[in-house]
C-alpha atoms as a PDB file:
ATOM      1  CA  MET A   1       0.000   0.000   0.000  1.00  0.00           C
ATOM      2  CA  SER A   2       1.309   3.442  -0.887  1.00  0.00           C
ATOM      3  CA  ALA A   3       2.886   5.386   1.964  1.00  0.00           C
ATOM      4  CA  VAL A   4       1.186   8.506   0.577  1.00  0.00           C
ATOM      5  CA  VAL A   5      -2.260   6.887   0.874  1.00  0.00           C
ATOM      6  CA  VAL A   6      -1.505   5.835   4.448  1.00  0.00           C
ATOM      7  CA  LEU A   7      -0.307   9.340   5.304  1.00  0.00           C
ATOM      8  CA  LEU A   8      -3.353  11.030   3.747  1.00  0.00           C
ATOM      9  CA  CYS A   9      -5.745   8.675   5.550  1.00  0.00           C
ATOM     10  CA  ARG A  10      -3.935   9.246   8.854  1.00  0.00           C
ATOM     11  CA  LEU A  11      -4.099  13.015   8.403  1.00  0.00           C
ATOM     12  CA  ALA A  12      -7.771  12.976   7.370  1.00  0.00           C
ATOM     13  CA  VAL A  13      -9.031  10.820  10.238  1.00  0.00           C
ATOM     14  CA  GLY A  14      -6.674  12.405  12.760  1.00  0.00           C
ATOM     15  CA  GLY A  15      -7.670  15.910  11.708  1.00  0.00           C
ATOM     16  CA  VAL A  16     -11.361  15.086  11.982  1.00  0.00           C
ATOM     17  CA  PHE A  17     -10.886  13.591  15.450  1.00  0.00           C
ATOM     18  CA  ILE A  18      -8.903  16.610  16.680  1.00  0.00           C
ATOM     19  CA  TYR A  19     -11.440  19.048  15.242  1.00  0.00           C
ATOM     20  CA  ALA A  20     -14.342  17.055  16.710  1.00  0.00           C
ATOM     21  CA  SER A  21     -12.764  17.129  20.169  1.00  0.00           C
ATOM     22  CA  LEU A  22     -12.157  20.874  20.471  1.00  0.00           C
ATOM     23  CA  ASP A  23     -15.684  22.204  21.078  1.00  0.00           C
ATOM     24  CA  LYS A  24     -16.511  19.234  23.297  1.00  0.00           C
ATOM     25  CA  LEU A  25     -13.421  19.904  25.423  1.00  0.00           C
ATOM     26  CA  ALA A  26     -14.429  23.558  25.725  1.00  0.00           C
ATOM     27  CA  HIS A  27     -18.084  22.801  26.589  1.00  0.00           C
ATOM     28  CA  PRO A  28     -18.332  19.491  28.482  1.00  0.00           C
ATOM     29  CA  GLN A  29     -21.745  20.291  29.996  1.00  0.00           C
ATOM     30  CA  ALA A  30     -23.271  20.942  26.568  1.00  0.00           C
ATOM     31  CA  PHE A  31     -21.665  17.761  25.245  1.00  0.00           C
ATOM     32  CA  ALA A  32     -23.114  15.808  28.200  1.00  0.00           C
ATOM     33  CA  GLU A  33     -26.552  17.076  27.152  1.00  0.00           C
ATOM     34  CA  ALA A  34     -25.925  15.973  23.557  1.00  0.00           C
ATOM     35  CA  ILE A  35     -24.975  12.503  24.811  1.00  0.00           C
ATOM     36  CA  HIS A  36     -28.089  12.438  27.023  1.00  0.00           C
ATOM     37  CA  HIS A  37     -30.349  13.075  24.016  1.00  0.00           C
ATOM     38  CA  TYR A  38     -29.267   9.762  22.481  1.00  0.00           C
ATOM     39  CA  ARG A  39     -30.762   7.942  25.519  1.00  0.00           C
ATOM     40  CA  LEU A  40     -28.014   5.301  25.466  1.00  0.00           C
ATOM     41  CA  VAL A  41     -25.766   6.231  28.391  1.00  0.00           C
ATOM     42  CA  PRO A  42     -26.892   5.934  32.032  1.00  0.00           C
ATOM     43  CA  TYR A  43     -27.217   9.303  33.758  1.00  0.00           C
ATOM     44  CA  ALA A  44     -24.372   8.519  36.171  1.00  0.00           C
ATOM     45  CA  LEU A  45     -21.993   8.097  33.219  1.00  0.00           C
ATOM     46  CA  LEU A  46     -23.013  11.205  31.240  1.00  0.00           C
ATOM     47  CA  HIS A  47     -20.504  13.629  32.724  1.00  0.00           C
ATOM     48  CA  PRO A  48     -17.581  11.186  32.869  1.00  0.00           C
ATOM     49  CA  SER A  49     -18.317  10.270  29.236  1.00  0.00           C
ATOM     50  CA  ALA A  50     -18.520  13.936  28.234  1.00  0.00           C
ATOM     51  CA  LEU A  51     -15.114  14.555  29.801  1.00  0.00           C
ATOM     52  CA  LEU A  52     -13.349  11.389  28.667  1.00  0.00           C
ATOM     53  CA  LEU A  53     -14.577  10.970  25.084  1.00  0.00           C
ATOM     54  CA  PRO A  54     -13.220  14.285  23.716  1.00  0.00           C
ATOM     55  CA  MET A  55      -9.878  13.638  25.415  1.00  0.00           C
ATOM     56  CA  VAL A  56      -9.693  10.230  23.762  1.00  0.00           C
ATOM     57  CA  GLU A  57     -10.680  11.770  20.416  1.00  0.00           C
ATOM     58  CA  PHE A  58      -7.937  14.385  20.736  1.00  0.00           C
ATOM     59  CA  VAL A  59      -5.237  11.882  21.727  1.00  0.00           C
ATOM     60  CA  LEU A  60      -6.198   9.476  18.927  1.00  0.00           C
ATOM     61  CA  GLY A  61      -6.294  12.336  16.427  1.00  0.00           C
ATOM     62  CA  ALA A  62      -2.883  13.596  17.515  1.00  0.00           C
ATOM     63  CA  ALA A  63      -1.426  10.082  17.374  1.00  0.00           C
ATOM     64  CA  LEU A  64      -2.723   9.628  13.832  1.00  0.00           C
ATOM     65  CA  VAL A  65      -1.528  13.029  12.627  1.00  0.00           C
ATOM     66  CA  LEU A  66       1.914  12.548  14.174  1.00  0.00           C
ATOM     67  CA  GLY A  67       2.209   8.894  13.202  1.00  0.00           C
ATOM     68  CA  ILE A  68       2.580   7.592  16.747  1.00  0.00           C
ATOM     69  CA  ALA A  69       1.302   4.061  17.413  1.00  0.00           C
ATOM     70  CA  ARG A  70      -0.346   4.177  13.984  1.00  0.00           C
ATOM     71  CA  ARG A  71      -1.996   0.767  14.101  1.00  0.00           C
ATOM     72  CA  GLY A  72      -3.289   1.107  17.646  1.00  0.00           C
ATOM     73  CA  ALA A  73      -4.596   4.618  17.027  1.00  0.00           C
ATOM     74  CA  SER A  74      -6.263   3.479  13.794  1.00  0.00           C
ATOM     75  CA  LEU A  75      -7.865   0.513  15.539  1.00  0.00           C
ATOM     76  CA  TRP A  76      -9.232   2.634  18.390  1.00  0.00           C
ATOM     77  CA  ALA A  77     -10.435   5.322  15.971  1.00  0.00           C
ATOM     78  CA  ALA A  78     -12.225   2.629  13.959  1.00  0.00           C
ATOM     79  CA  PHE A  79     -13.785   1.262  17.155  1.00  0.00           C
ATOM     80  CA  LEU A  80     -15.074   4.721  18.117  1.00  0.00           C
ATOM     81  CA  LEU A  81     -16.460   5.239  14.627  1.00  0.00           C
ATOM     82  CA  VAL A  82     -18.357   1.945  14.903  1.00  0.00           C
ATOM     83  CA  VAL A  83     -19.770   3.094  18.262  1.00  0.00           C
ATOM     84  CA  PHE A  84     -20.740   6.478  16.763  1.00  0.00           C
ATOM     85  CA  THR A  85     -22.364   4.758  13.776  1.00  0.00           C
ATOM     86  CA  ILE A  86     -24.384   2.488  16.066  1.00  0.00           C
ATOM     87  CA  ALA A  87     -25.473   5.463  18.204  1.00  0.00           C
ATOM     88  CA  ILE A  88     -26.577   7.427  15.135  1.00  0.00           C
ATOM     89  CA  GLY A  89     -28.297   4.368  13.653  1.00  0.00           C
ATOM     90  CA  THR A  90     -30.248   3.656  16.829  1.00  0.00           C
ATOM     91  CA  ALA A  91     -31.271   7.321  17.098  1.00  0.00           C
ATOM     92  CA  LEU A  92     -32.557   7.182  13.523  1.00  0.00           C
ATOM     93  CA  ALA A  93     -34.350   3.876  14.135  1.00  0.00           C
ATOM     94  CA  ARG A  94     -36.063   5.344  17.207  1.00  0.00           C
ATOM     95  CA  GLY A  95     -37.056   8.495  15.320  1.00  0.00           C
ATOM     96  CA  LEU A  96     -35.124  10.847  17.596  1.00  0.00           C
ATOM     97  CA  ASP A  97     -34.883  14.389  16.255  1.00  0.00           C
ATOM     98  CA  ILE A  98     -31.619  15.401  17.918  1.00  0.00           C
ATOM     99  CA  SER A  99     -28.396  17.209  17.169  1.00  0.00           C
ATOM    100  CA  CYS A 100     -25.557  14.771  16.596  1.00  0.00           C
ATOM    101  CA  GLY A 101     -23.116  16.518  18.958  1.00  0.00           C
ATOM    102  CA  CYS A 102     -20.352  15.532  16.561  1.00  0.00           C
ATOM    103  CA  PHE A 103     -18.366  18.735  16.042  1.00  0.00           C
ATOM    104  CA  ASN A 104     -20.328  21.446  17.772  1.00  0.00           C
ATOM    105  CA  THR A 105     -22.230  21.319  21.044  1.00  0.00           C
ATOM    106  CA  ASP A 106     -24.648  24.015  19.833  1.00  0.00           C
ATOM    107  CA  ALA A 107     -27.765  22.951  17.978  1.00  0.00           C
ATOM    108  CA  GLY A 108     -25.644  21.689  15.118  1.00  0.00           C
ATOM    109  CA  HIS A 109     -26.182  19.094  12.454  1.00  0.00           C
ATOM    110  CA  GLY A 110     -29.142  16.837  13.134  1.00  0.00           C
ATOM    111  CA  VAL A 111     -28.822  13.073  13.154  1.00  0.00           C
ATOM    112  CA  GLY A 112     -29.427  11.722   9.666  1.00  0.00           C
ATOM    113  CA  VAL A 113     -28.419   9.112   7.128  1.00  0.00           C
ATOM    114  CA  SER A 114     -25.667  11.404   5.819  1.00  0.00           C
ATOM    115  CA  LEU A 115     -23.909  11.054   9.186  1.00  0.00           C
ATOM    116  CA  LEU A 116     -23.953   7.289   8.842  1.00  0.00           C
ATOM    117  CA  PHE A 117     -22.254   7.572   5.465  1.00  0.00           C
ATOM    118  CA  ARG A 118     -19.746  10.098   6.807  1.00  0.00           C
ATOM    119  CA  ASP A 119     -18.777   7.827   9.690  1.00  0.00           C
ATOM    120  CA  LEU A 120     -18.615   4.775   7.436  1.00  0.00           C
ATOM    121  CA  GLY A 121     -16.349   6.737   5.082  1.00  0.00           C
ATOM    122  CA  LEU A 122     -14.090   7.684   7.983  1.00  0.00           C
ATOM    123  CA  LEU A 123     -14.115   4.055   9.077  1.00  0.00           C
ATOM    124  CA  LEU A 124     -12.857   3.027   5.634  1.00  0.00           C
ATOM    125  CA  LEU A 125     -10.106   5.647   5.907  1.00  0.00           C
ATOM    126  CA  CYS A 126      -8.915   3.900   9.089  1.00  0.00           C
ATOM    127  CA  LEU A 127      -8.096   0.746   7.124  1.00  0.00           C
ATOM    128  CA  PRO A 128      -4.944   1.805   5.222  1.00  0.00           C
ATOM    129  CA  PRO A 129      -3.101   3.020   8.361  1.00  0.00           C
ATOM    130  CA  LEU A 130      -4.260  -0.074  10.215  1.00  0.00           C
ATOM    131  CA  LEU A 131      -3.239  -2.595   7.562  1.00  0.00           C
ATOM    132  CA  ALA A 132      -0.161  -1.004   5.977  1.00  0.00           C
ATOM    133  CA  ARG A 133       3.304  -2.382   6.656  1.00  0.00           C
ATOM    134  CA  ASP A 134       5.073   0.814   5.629  1.00  0.00           C
ATOM    135  CA  ASP A 135       5.304   3.449   8.349  1.00  0.00           C
ATOM    136  CA  ARG A 136       8.067   5.700   7.047  1.00  0.00           C
ATOM    137  CA  TRP A 137       6.232   9.028   7.456  1.00  0.00           C
ATOM    138  CA  GLY A 138       5.466   9.107  11.127  1.00  0.00           C
ATOM    139  CA  LEU A 139       7.093  10.016  14.391  1.00  0.00           C
ATOM    140  CA  SER A 140       7.301   6.355  15.409  1.00  0.00           C
ATOM    141  CA  ALA A 141       9.431   5.622  12.323  1.00  0.00           C
ATOM    142  CA  LEU A 142      11.753   8.538  13.079  1.00  0.00           C
ATOM    143  CA  LEU A 143      12.205   7.435  16.685  1.00  0.00           C
ATOM    144  CA  ARG A 144      13.139   3.893  15.605  1.00  0.00           C
ATOM    145  CA  LYS A 145      16.093   5.159  13.555  1.00  0.00           C
END
């Protein structure tokens, strides 16, 4: 697999994860409310989830952008994208008219089929960094030399 493809996929997914984390990190209470609207997380876990999830998104995004622990970061990013896809799918199936809480804690983009396709597309972009043998354009590769 081309090292350029791996790099571009890493940068795309990593950039999206970093961008998605920023508003949530700045407004954890609003993000907790967005999580609550999905009706999937017990109330006792809303605030811990609202604090932890954006931190994880930021760390995974930074790892992907910098090329640190590429396979592990890609695997965890893919796992989160599967969780997000399931959450969006169940909200759609239950007819919930809610904001996704994806990038902005304000009344942003509503949950819809387009979000499923977006997350599935991002999930596909996790595959090249996860499966590639070549890791020459990342911090991990530089540190091994």
